[in-house]
Every structure is written in structure tokens, then in C-alpha cells.
Amino acid sequence: MIGFLRLFLFGFAGLTVLYLLLVIYNRSLTREKLEDEWAEKGEIGDRDTYVENGLKAYKSSFRPKLLLLVYILPLIAFGAVFFMTNFM
């Protein structure tokens, strides 16, 4: 039981680090895309305001919520392997 808890804690810590890295990377890609869009549209208005409004829209969209699959998919895979190994 102690081994399982240790595996769970280290796995959760690793998945949290991976999740945070993916969030930072995804946010930087979105910021870069918004800056490119602003430049293509003829640089109308303030760039920082345009980018911040775009990031607010991105934050409320479905795309960043998909990153939570970093936690869900390994849990499902581990559960499936555990079930097949012990009960089949």
C-alpha cells in the first residue's frame, strides 16, 4: 500500500509539472499568434490591449480545458492496466 501511495504522489507531481509546462507553452503560442494577427491587421490600436483581450477570450474557451486530459488519460490507462493485470 505504501508503494502505491508513493507511486501516486510522484506520478501526480510529475503530471503537475507536465501540465504547468504545457499551459505556459500553449499560452505563449497563443500570445505569439495574437501578436502576429495584430501586425497583419494593420496595427490598429494598442498591441498590448489587443493581446490581453485575446488571451482573456482564450482563457474562457474550451482549448485550455483540454489540457486537463494530462491528468485524466494516464489515470484511465493505469486503471485499465491494473484491472487487466489483476482481474483477467
PDB file of N, CA and C in Angstrom:
ATOM      1  N   MET A   1       0.818  -1.194   0.000  1.00  0.00           N
ATOM      2  CA  MET A   1       0.000   0.000   0.000  1.00  0.00           C
ATOM      3  C   MET A   1       0.864   1.260   0.000  1.00  0.00           C
ATOM      4  N   ILE A   2       1.967   1.228   0.736  1.00  0.00           N
ATOM      5  CA  ILE A   2       2.863   2.382   0.778  1.00  0.00           C
ATOM      6  C   ILE A   2       3.478   2.618  -0.600  1.00  0.00           C
ATOM      7  N   GLY A   3       3.808   1.546  -1.301  1.00  0.00           N
ATOM      8  CA  GLY A   3       4.365   1.681  -2.644  1.00  0.00           C
ATOM      9  C   GLY A   3       3.376   2.328  -3.605  1.00  0.00           C
ATOM     10  N   PHE A   4       2.106   1.969  -3.473  1.00  0.00           N
ATOM     11  CA  PHE A   4       1.078   2.565  -4.322  1.00  0.00           C
ATOM     12  C   PHE A   4       0.932   4.061  -4.036  1.00  0.00           C
ATOM     13  N   LEU A   5       0.949   4.436  -2.766  1.00  0.00           N
ATOM     14  CA  LEU A   5       0.841   5.854  -2.416  1.00  0.00           C
ATOM     15  C   LEU A   5       2.042   6.646  -2.918  1.00  0.00           C
ATOM     16  N   ARG A   6       3.216   6.059  -2.819  1.00  0.00           N
ATOM     17  CA  ARG A   6       4.416   6.723  -3.325  1.00  0.00           C
ATOM     18  C   ARG A   6       4.333   6.896  -4.844  1.00  0.00           C
ATOM     19  N   LEU A   7       3.892   5.850  -5.544  1.00  0.00           N
ATOM     20  CA  LEU A   7       3.708   5.947  -6.995  1.00  0.00           C
ATOM     21  C   LEU A   7       2.691   7.027  -7.340  1.00  0.00           C
ATOM     22  N   PHE A   8       1.603   7.077  -6.598  1.00  0.00           N
ATOM     23  CA  PHE A   8       0.563   8.079  -6.838  1.00  0.00           C
ATOM     24  C   PHE A   8       1.103   9.495  -6.626  1.00  0.00           C
ATOM     25  N   LEU A   9       1.816   9.715  -5.533  1.00  0.00           N
ATOM     26  CA  LEU A   9       2.328  11.059  -5.233  1.00  0.00           C
ATOM     27  C   LEU A   9       3.371  11.516  -6.248  1.00  0.00           C
ATOM     28  N   PHE A  10       4.323  10.652  -6.582  1.00  0.00           N
ATOM     29  CA  PHE A  10       5.329  11.037  -7.576  1.00  0.00           C
ATOM     30  C   PHE A  10       4.717  11.189  -8.962  1.00  0.00           C
ATOM     31  N   GLY A  11       3.764  10.341  -9.287  1.00  0.00           N
ATOM     32  CA  GLY A  11       3.081  10.464 -10.570  1.00  0.00           C
ATOM     33  C   GLY A  11       2.285  11.755 -10.656  1.00  0.00           C
ATOM     34  N   PHE A  12       1.584  12.091  -9.590  1.00  0.00           N
ATOM     35  CA  PHE A  12       0.814  13.333  -9.562  1.00  0.00           C
ATOM     36  C   PHE A  12       1.730  14.543  -9.665  1.00  0.00           C
ATOM     37  N   ALA A  13       2.856  14.503  -8.974  1.00  0.00           N
ATOM     38  CA  ALA A  13       3.816  15.614  -9.050  1.00  0.00           C
ATOM     39  C   ALA A  13       4.370  15.743 -10.468  1.00  0.00           C
ATOM     40  N   GLY A  14       4.696  14.628 -11.096  1.00  0.00           N
ATOM     41  CA  GLY A  14       5.201  14.662 -12.472  1.00  0.00           C
ATOM     42  C   GLY A  14       4.159  15.183 -13.452  1.00  0.00           C
ATOM     43  N   LEU A  15       2.920  14.735 -13.289  1.00  0.00           N
ATOM     44  CA  LEU A  15       1.851  15.211 -14.166  1.00  0.00           C
ATOM     45  C   LEU A  15       1.566  16.693 -13.951  1.00  0.00           C
ATOM     46  N   THR A  16       1.717  17.169 -12.716  1.00  0.00           N
ATOM     47  CA  THR A  16       1.513  18.587 -12.440  1.00  0.00           C
ATOM     48  C   THR A  16       2.587  19.431 -13.116  1.00  0.00           C
ATOM     49  N   VAL A  17       3.825  18.985 -13.059  1.00  0.00           N
ATOM     50  CA  VAL A  17       4.908  19.698 -13.744  1.00  0.00           C
ATOM     51  C   VAL A  17       4.649  19.707 -15.244  1.00  0.00           C
ATOM     52  N   LEU A  18       4.260  18.567 -15.801  1.00  0.00           N
ATOM     53  CA  LEU A  18       3.958  18.492 -17.234  1.00  0.00           C
ATOM     54  C   LEU A  18       2.803  19.416 -17.598  1.00  0.00           C
ATOM     55  N   TYR A  19       1.762  19.438 -16.774  1.00  0.00           N
ATOM     56  CA  TYR A  19       0.605  20.302 -17.017  1.00  0.00           C
ATOM     57  C   TYR A  19       1.018  21.772 -17.018  1.00  0.00           C
ATOM     58  N   LEU A  20       1.790  22.180 -16.031  1.00  0.00           N
ATOM     59  CA  LEU A  20       2.218  23.580 -15.958  1.00  0.00           C
ATOM     60  C   LEU A  20       3.080  23.971 -17.152  1.00  0.00           C
ATOM     61  N   LEU A  21       3.971  23.082 -17.577  1.00  0.00           N
ATOM     62  CA  LEU A  21       4.787  23.367 -18.757  1.00  0.00           C
ATOM     63  C   LEU A  21       3.928  23.497 -20.015  1.00  0.00           C
ATOM     64  N   LEU A  22       2.935  22.630 -20.147  1.00  0.00           N
ATOM     65  CA  LEU A  22       2.044  22.712 -21.300  1.00  0.00           C
ATOM     66  C   LEU A  22       1.201  23.979 -21.283  1.00  0.00           C
ATOM     67  N   VAL A  23       0.752  24.400 -20.115  1.00  0.00           N
ATOM     68  CA  VAL A  23      -0.032  25.632 -20.005  1.00  0.00           C
ATOM     69  C   VAL A  23       0.811  26.832 -20.423  1.00  0.00           C
ATOM     70  N   ILE A  24       2.039  26.895 -19.933  1.00  0.00           N
ATOM     71  CA  ILE A  24       2.925  28.009 -20.284  1.00  0.00           C
ATOM     72  C   ILE A  24       3.216  28.009 -21.776  1.00  0.00           C
ATOM     73  N   TYR A  25       3.520  26.840 -22.336  1.00  0.00           N
ATOM     74  CA  TYR A  25       3.824  26.741 -23.763  1.00  0.00           C
ATOM     75  C   TYR A  25       2.621  27.117 -24.620  1.00  0.00           C
ATOM     76  N   ASN A  26       1.461  26.605 -24.274  1.00  0.00           N
ATOM     77  CA  ASN A  26       0.249  26.882 -25.039  1.00  0.00           C
ATOM     78  C   ASN A  26      -0.116  28.362 -24.976  1.00  0.00           C
ATOM     79  N   ARG A  27       0.053  28.958 -23.812  1.00  0.00           N
ATOM     80  CA  ARG A  27      -0.240  30.384 -23.651  1.00  0.00           C
ATOM     81  C   ARG A  27       0.730  31.238 -24.478  1.00  0.00           C
ATOM     82  N   SER A  28       2.000  30.843 -24.525  1.00  0.00           N
ATOM     83  CA  SER A  28       2.970  31.615 -25.310  1.00  0.00           C
ATOM     84  C   SER A  28       2.685  31.494 -26.805  1.00  0.00           C
ATOM     85  N   LEU A  29       2.243  30.320 -27.239  1.00  0.00           N
ATOM     86  CA  LEU A  29       1.869  30.169 -28.653  1.00  0.00           C
ATOM     87  C   LEU A  29       0.667  31.033 -29.000  1.00  0.00           C
ATOM     88  N   THR A  30      -0.297  31.089 -28.108  1.00  0.00           N
ATOM     89  CA  THR A  30      -1.483  31.911 -28.337  1.00  0.00           C
ATOM     90  C   THR A  30      -1.112  33.385 -28.362  1.00  0.00           C
ATOM     91  N   ARG A  31      -0.249  33.803 -27.449  1.00  0.00           N
ATOM     92  CA  ARG A  31       0.199  35.200 -27.411  1.00  0.00           C
ATOM     93  C   ARG A  31       0.912  35.570 -28.715  1.00  0.00           C
ATOM     94  N   GLU A  32       1.781  34.678 -29.185  1.00  0.00           N
ATOM     95  CA  GLU A  32       2.513  34.940 -30.431  1.00  0.00           C
ATOM     96  C   GLU A  32       1.554  35.027 -31.618  1.00  0.00           C
ATOM     97  N   LYS A  33       0.563  34.153 -31.639  1.00  0.00           N
ATOM     98  CA  LYS A  33      -0.427  34.186 -32.722  1.00  0.00           C
ATOM     99  C   LYS A  33      -1.212  35.494 -32.698  1.00  0.00           C
ATOM    100  N   LEU A  34      -1.598  35.950 -31.517  1.00  0.00           N
ATOM    101  CA  LEU A  34      -2.328  37.208 -31.403  1.00  0.00           C
ATOM    102  C   LEU A  34      -1.466  38.398 -31.827  1.00  0.00           C
ATOM    103  N   GLU A  35      -0.198  38.381 -31.479  1.00  0.00           N
ATOM    104  CA  GLU A  35       0.695  39.462 -31.901  1.00  0.00           C
ATOM    105  C   GLU A  35       0.851  39.482 -33.415  1.00  0.00           C
ATOM    106  N   ASP A  36       0.927  38.310 -34.030  1.00  0.00           N
ATOM    107  CA  ASP A  36       1.013  38.238 -35.497  1.00  0.00           C
ATOM    108  C   ASP A  36      -0.275  38.724 -36.148  1.00  0.00           C
ATOM    109  N   GLU A  37      -1.425  38.359 -35.575  1.00  0.00           N
ATOM    110  CA  GLU A  37      -2.709  38.833 -36.102  1.00  0.00           C
ATOM    111  C   GLU A  37      -2.799  40.344 -36.022  1.00  0.00           C
ATOM    112  N   TRP A  38      -2.341  40.924 -34.922  1.00  0.00           N
ATOM    113  CA  TRP A  38      -2.384  42.378 -34.741  1.00  0.00           C
ATOM    114  C   TRP A  38      -1.535  43.070 -35.810  1.00  0.00           C
ATOM    115  N   ALA A  39      -0.365  42.505 -36.092  1.00  0.00           N
ATOM    116  CA  ALA A  39       0.513  43.091 -37.105  1.00  0.00           C
ATOM    117  C   ALA A  39      -0.092  42.963 -38.499  1.00  0.00           C
ATOM    118  N   GLU A  40      -0.768  41.852 -38.785  1.00  0.00           N
ATOM    119  CA  GLU A  40      -1.371  41.650 -40.106  1.00  0.00           C
ATOM    120  C   GLU A  40      -2.577  42.551 -40.336  1.00  0.00           C
ATOM    121  N   LYS A  41      -3.281  42.903 -39.265  1.00  0.00           N
ATOM    122  CA  LYS A  41      -4.470  43.740 -39.402  1.00  0.00           C
ATOM    123  C   LYS A  41      -4.137  45.217 -39.577  1.00  0.00           C
ATOM    124  N   GLY A  42      -2.886  45.562 -39.603  1.00  0.00           N
ATOM    125  CA  GLY A  42      -2.505  46.936 -39.840  1.00  0.00           C
ATOM    126  C   GLY A  42      -2.169  47.713 -38.591  1.00  0.00           C
ATOM    127  N   GLU A  43      -1.931  47.019 -37.500  1.00  0.00           N
ATOM    128  CA  GLU A  43      -1.505  47.640 -36.245  1.00  0.00           C
ATOM    129  C   GLU A  43      -2.459  48.734 -35.784  1.00  0.00           C
ATOM    130  N   ILE A  44      -3.742  48.402 -35.775  1.00  0.00           N
ATOM    131  CA  ILE A  44      -4.758  49.349 -35.320  1.00  0.00           C
ATOM    132  C   ILE A  44      -4.921  49.200 -33.809  1.00  0.00           C
ATOM    133  N   GLY A  45      -4.803  50.289 -33.078  1.00  0.00           N
ATOM    134  CA  GLY A  45      -4.972  50.260 -31.634  1.00  0.00           C
ATOM    135  C   GLY A  45      -3.709  49.827 -30.918  1.00  0.00           C
ATOM    136  N   ASP A  46      -3.840  49.630 -29.636  1.00  0.00           N
ATOM    137  CA  ASP A  46      -2.721  49.239 -28.789  1.00  0.00           C
ATOM    138  C   ASP A  46      -2.516  47.728 -28.857  1.00  0.00           C
ATOM    139  N   ARG A  47      -1.274  47.318 -29.102  1.00  0.00           N
ATOM    140  CA  ARG A  47      -0.973  45.895 -29.240  1.00  0.00           C
ATOM    141  C   ARG A  47      -1.210  45.147 -27.934  1.00  0.00           C
ATOM    142  N   ASP A  48      -0.772  45.706 -26.823  1.00  0.00           N
ATOM    143  CA  ASP A  48      -0.923  45.020 -25.529  1.00  0.00           C
ATOM    144  C   ASP A  48      -2.391  44.811 -25.178  1.00  0.00           C
ATOM    145  N   THR A  49      -3.221  45.799 -25.465  1.00  0.00           N
ATOM    146  CA  THR A  49      -4.651  45.667 -25.190  1.00  0.00           C
ATOM    147  C   THR A  49      -5.264  44.579 -26.062  1.00  0.00           C
ATOM    148  N   TYR A  50      -4.888  44.553 -27.338  1.00  0.00           N
ATOM    149  CA  TYR A  50      -5.399  43.541 -28.262  1.00  0.00           C
ATOM    150  C   TYR A  50      -5.005  42.140 -27.786  1.00  0.00           C
ATOM    151  N   VAL A  51      -3.753  41.984 -27.391  1.00  0.00           N
ATOM    152  CA  VAL A  51      -3.256  40.673 -26.957  1.00  0.00           C
ATOM    153  C   VAL A  51      -3.934  40.255 -25.653  1.00  0.00           C
ATOM    154  N   GLU A  52      -4.073  41.167 -24.702  1.00  0.00           N
ATOM    155  CA  GLU A  52      -4.710  40.826 -23.432  1.00  0.00           C
ATOM    156  C   GLU A  52      -6.177  40.449 -23.612  1.00  0.00           C
ATOM    157  N   ASN A  53      -6.884  41.159 -24.494  1.00  0.00           N
ATOM    158  CA  ASN A  53      -8.282  40.796 -24.770  1.00  0.00           C
ATOM    159  C   ASN A  53      -8.365  39.422 -25.430  1.00  0.00           C
ATOM    160  N   GLY A  54      -7.426  39.138 -26.317  1.00  0.00           N
ATOM    161  CA  GLY A  54      -7.390  37.824 -26.957  1.00  0.00           C
ATOM    162  C   GLY A  54      -7.084  36.716 -25.966  1.00  0.00           C
ATOM    163  N   LEU A  55      -6.193  36.984 -25.020  1.00  0.00           N
ATOM    164  CA  LEU A  55      -5.862  35.979 -24.011  1.00  0.00           C
ATOM    165  C   LEU A  55      -7.023  35.744 -23.052  1.00  0.00           C
ATOM    166  N   LYS A  56      -7.801  36.782 -22.774  1.00  0.00           N
ATOM    167  CA  LYS A  56      -8.993  36.596 -21.942  1.00  0.00           C
ATOM    168  C   LYS A  56     -10.005  35.711 -22.664  1.00  0.00           C
ATOM    169  N   ALA A  57     -10.167  35.937 -23.969  1.00  0.00           N
ATOM    170  CA  ALA A  57     -11.082  35.098 -24.750  1.00  0.00           C
ATOM    171  C   ALA A  57     -10.563  33.664 -24.809  1.00  0.00           C
ATOM    172  N   TYR A  58      -9.259  33.494 -24.937  1.00  0.00           N
ATOM    173  CA  TYR A  58      -8.656  32.164 -24.978  1.00  0.00           C
ATOM    174  C   TYR A  58      -8.870  31.435 -23.646  1.00  0.00           C
ATOM    175  N   LYS A  59      -8.714  32.175 -22.545  1.00  0.00           N
ATOM    176  CA  LYS A  59      -8.842  31.563 -21.225  1.00  0.00           C
ATOM    177  C   LYS A  59     -10.242  31.016 -20.973  1.00  0.00           C
ATOM    178  N   SER A  60     -11.239  31.650 -21.548  1.00  0.00           N
ATOM    179  CA  SER A  60     -12.611  31.184 -21.339  1.00  0.00           C
ATOM    180  C   SER A  60     -13.054  30.181 -22.401  1.00  0.00           C
ATOM    181  N   SER A  61     -12.185  29.842 -23.330  1.00  0.00           N
ATOM    182  CA  SER A  61     -12.548  28.890 -24.384  1.00  0.00           C
ATOM    183  C   SER A  61     -12.369  27.450 -23.886  1.00  0.00           C
ATOM    184  N   PHE A  62     -12.653  26.497 -24.754  1.00  0.00           N
ATOM    185  CA  PHE A  62     -12.591  25.076 -24.413  1.00  0.00           C
ATOM    186  C   PHE A  62     -11.165  24.529 -24.499  1.00  0.00           C
ATOM    187  N   ARG A  63     -10.328  25.162 -25.303  1.00  0.00           N
ATOM    188  CA  ARG A  63      -8.990  24.652 -25.571  1.00  0.00           C
ATOM    189  C   ARG A  63      -8.118  24.491 -24.324  1.00  0.00           C
ATOM    190  N   PRO A  64      -8.034  25.487 -23.425  1.00  0.00           N
ATOM    191  CA  PRO A  64      -7.182  25.269 -22.243  1.00  0.00           C
ATOM    192  C   PRO A  64      -7.723  24.202 -21.300  1.00  0.00           C
ATOM    193  N   LYS A  65      -9.009  23.959 -21.358  1.00  0.00           N
ATOM    194  CA  LYS A  65      -9.596  22.917 -20.512  1.00  0.00           C
ATOM    195  C   LYS A  65      -9.204  21.514 -20.988  1.00  0.00           C
ATOM    196  N   LEU A  66      -8.855  21.403 -22.258  1.00  0.00           N
ATOM    197  CA  LEU A  66      -8.412  20.118 -22.780  1.00  0.00           C
ATOM    198  C   LEU A  66      -7.086  19.678 -22.169  1.00  0.00           C
ATOM    199  N   LEU A  67      -6.309  20.633 -21.675  1.00  0.00           N
ATOM    200  CA  LEU A  67      -5.036  20.278 -21.062  1.00  0.00           C
ATOM    201  C   LEU A  67      -5.217  19.453 -19.790  1.00  0.00           C
ATOM    202  N   LEU A  68      -6.403  19.472 -19.227  1.00  0.00           N
ATOM    203  CA  LEU A  68      -6.660  18.650 -18.046  1.00  0.00           C
ATOM    204  C   LEU A  68      -6.632  17.158 -18.374  1.00  0.00           C
ATOM    205  N   LEU A  69      -6.652  16.829 -19.654  1.00  0.00           N
ATOM    206  CA  LEU A  69      -6.521  15.427 -20.049  1.00  0.00           C
ATOM    207  C   LEU A  69      -5.156  14.868 -19.659  1.00  0.00           C
ATOM    208  N   VAL A  70      -4.205  15.749 -19.344  1.00  0.00           N
ATOM    209  CA  VAL A  70      -2.903  15.306 -18.859  1.00  0.00           C
ATOM    210  C   VAL A  70      -3.073  14.503 -17.574  1.00  0.00           C
ATOM    211  N   TYR A  71      -4.062  14.835 -16.781  1.00  0.00           N
ATOM    212  CA  TYR A  71      -4.341  14.087 -15.554  1.00  0.00           C
ATOM    213  C   TYR A  71      -5.247  12.887 -15.811  1.00  0.00           C
ATOM    214  N   ILE A  72      -6.217  13.039 -16.683  1.00  0.00           N
ATOM    215  CA  ILE A  72      -7.259  12.031 -16.851  1.00  0.00           C
ATOM    216  C   ILE A  72      -6.778  10.815 -17.644  1.00  0.00           C
ATOM    217  N   LEU A  73      -6.098  11.035 -18.764  1.00  0.00           N
ATOM    218  CA  LEU A  73      -5.695   9.911 -19.617  1.00  0.00           C
ATOM    219  C   LEU A  73      -4.721   8.942 -18.934  1.00  0.00           C
ATOM    220  N   PRO A  74      -3.680   9.411 -18.236  1.00  0.00           N
ATOM    221  CA  PRO A  74      -2.823   8.440 -17.541  1.00  0.00           C
ATOM    222  C   PRO A  74      -3.562   7.674 -16.443  1.00  0.00           C
ATOM    223  N   LEU A  75      -4.501   8.316 -15.783  1.00  0.00           N
ATOM    224  CA  LEU A  75      -5.288   7.635 -14.748  1.00  0.00           C
ATOM    225  C   LEU A  75      -6.131   6.518 -15.362  1.00  0.00           C
ATOM    226  N   ILE A  76      -6.737   6.786 -16.502  1.00  0.00           N
ATOM    227  CA  ILE A  76      -7.528   5.761 -17.191  1.00  0.00           C
ATOM    228  C   ILE A  76      -6.633   4.621 -17.659  1.00  0.00           C
ATOM    229  N   ALA A  77      -5.472   4.966 -18.227  1.00  0.00           N
ATOM    230  CA  ALA A  77      -4.546   3.930 -18.700  1.00  0.00           C
ATOM    231  C   ALA A  77      -4.049   3.070 -17.536  1.00  0.00           C
ATOM    232  N   PHE A  78      -3.684   3.719 -16.428  1.00  0.00           N
ATOM    233  CA  PHE A  78      -3.223   2.965 -15.268  1.00  0.00           C
ATOM    234  C   PHE A  78      -4.323   2.062 -14.724  1.00  0.00           C
ATOM    235  N   GLY A  79      -5.538   2.580 -14.660  1.00  0.00           N
ATOM    236  CA  GLY A  79      -6.654   1.769 -14.186  1.00  0.00           C
ATOM    237  C   GLY A  79      -6.922   0.576 -15.084  1.00  0.00           C
ATOM    238  N   ALA A  80      -6.831   0.777 -16.402  1.00  0.00           N
ATOM    239  CA  ALA A  80      -7.061  -0.317 -17.341  1.00  0.00           C
ATOM    240  C   ALA A  80      -5.987  -1.387 -17.207  1.00  0.00           C
ATOM    241  N   VAL A  81      -4.727  -0.988 -17.116  1.00  0.00           N
ATOM    242  CA  VAL A  81      -3.636  -1.951 -16.959  1.00  0.00           C
ATOM    243  C   VAL A  81      -3.760  -2.678 -15.620  1.00  0.00           C
ATOM    244  N   PHE A  82      -4.087  -1.958 -14.578  1.00  0.00           N
ATOM    245  CA  PHE A  82      -4.267  -2.567 -13.259  1.00  0.00           C
ATOM    246  C   PHE A  82      -5.387  -3.593 -13.284  1.00  0.00           C
ATOM    247  N   PHE A  83      -6.507  -3.255 -13.909  1.00  0.00           N
ATOM    248  CA  PHE A  83      -7.640  -4.167 -13.982  1.00  0.00           C
ATOM    249  C   PHE A  83      -7.288  -5.415 -14.785  1.00  0.00           C
ATOM    250  N   MET A  84      -6.653  -5.213 -15.961  1.00  0.00           N
ATOM    251  CA  MET A  84      -6.308  -6.355 -16.811  1.00  0.00           C
ATOM    252  C   MET A  84      -5.279  -7.256 -16.139  1.00  0.00           C
ATOM    253  N   THR A  85      -4.346  -6.669 -15.434  1.00  0.00           N
ATOM    254  CA  THR A  85      -3.314  -7.476 -14.775  1.00  0.00           C
ATOM    255  C   THR A  85      -3.872  -8.278 -13.610  1.00  0.00           C
ATOM    256  N   ASN A  86      -4.752  -7.711 -12.859  1.00  0.00           N
ATOM    257  CA  ASN A  86      -5.215  -8.373 -11.637  1.00  0.00           C
ATOM    258  C   ASN A  86      -6.508  -9.156 -11.776  1.00  0.00           C
ATOM    259  N   PHE A  87      -7.366  -8.823 -12.707  1.00  0.00           N
ATOM    260  CA  PHE A  87      -8.678  -9.437 -12.746  1.00  0.00           C
ATOM    261  C   PHE A  87      -8.998 -10.173 -14.052  1.00  0.00           C
ATOM    262  N   MET A  88      -8.066 -10.288 -14.933  1.00  0.00           N
ATOM    263  CA  MET A  88      -8.340 -11.021 -16.181  1.00  0.00           C
ATOM    264  C   MET A  88      -7.453 -12.236 -16.267  1.00  0.00           C
TER     265      MET A  88
END
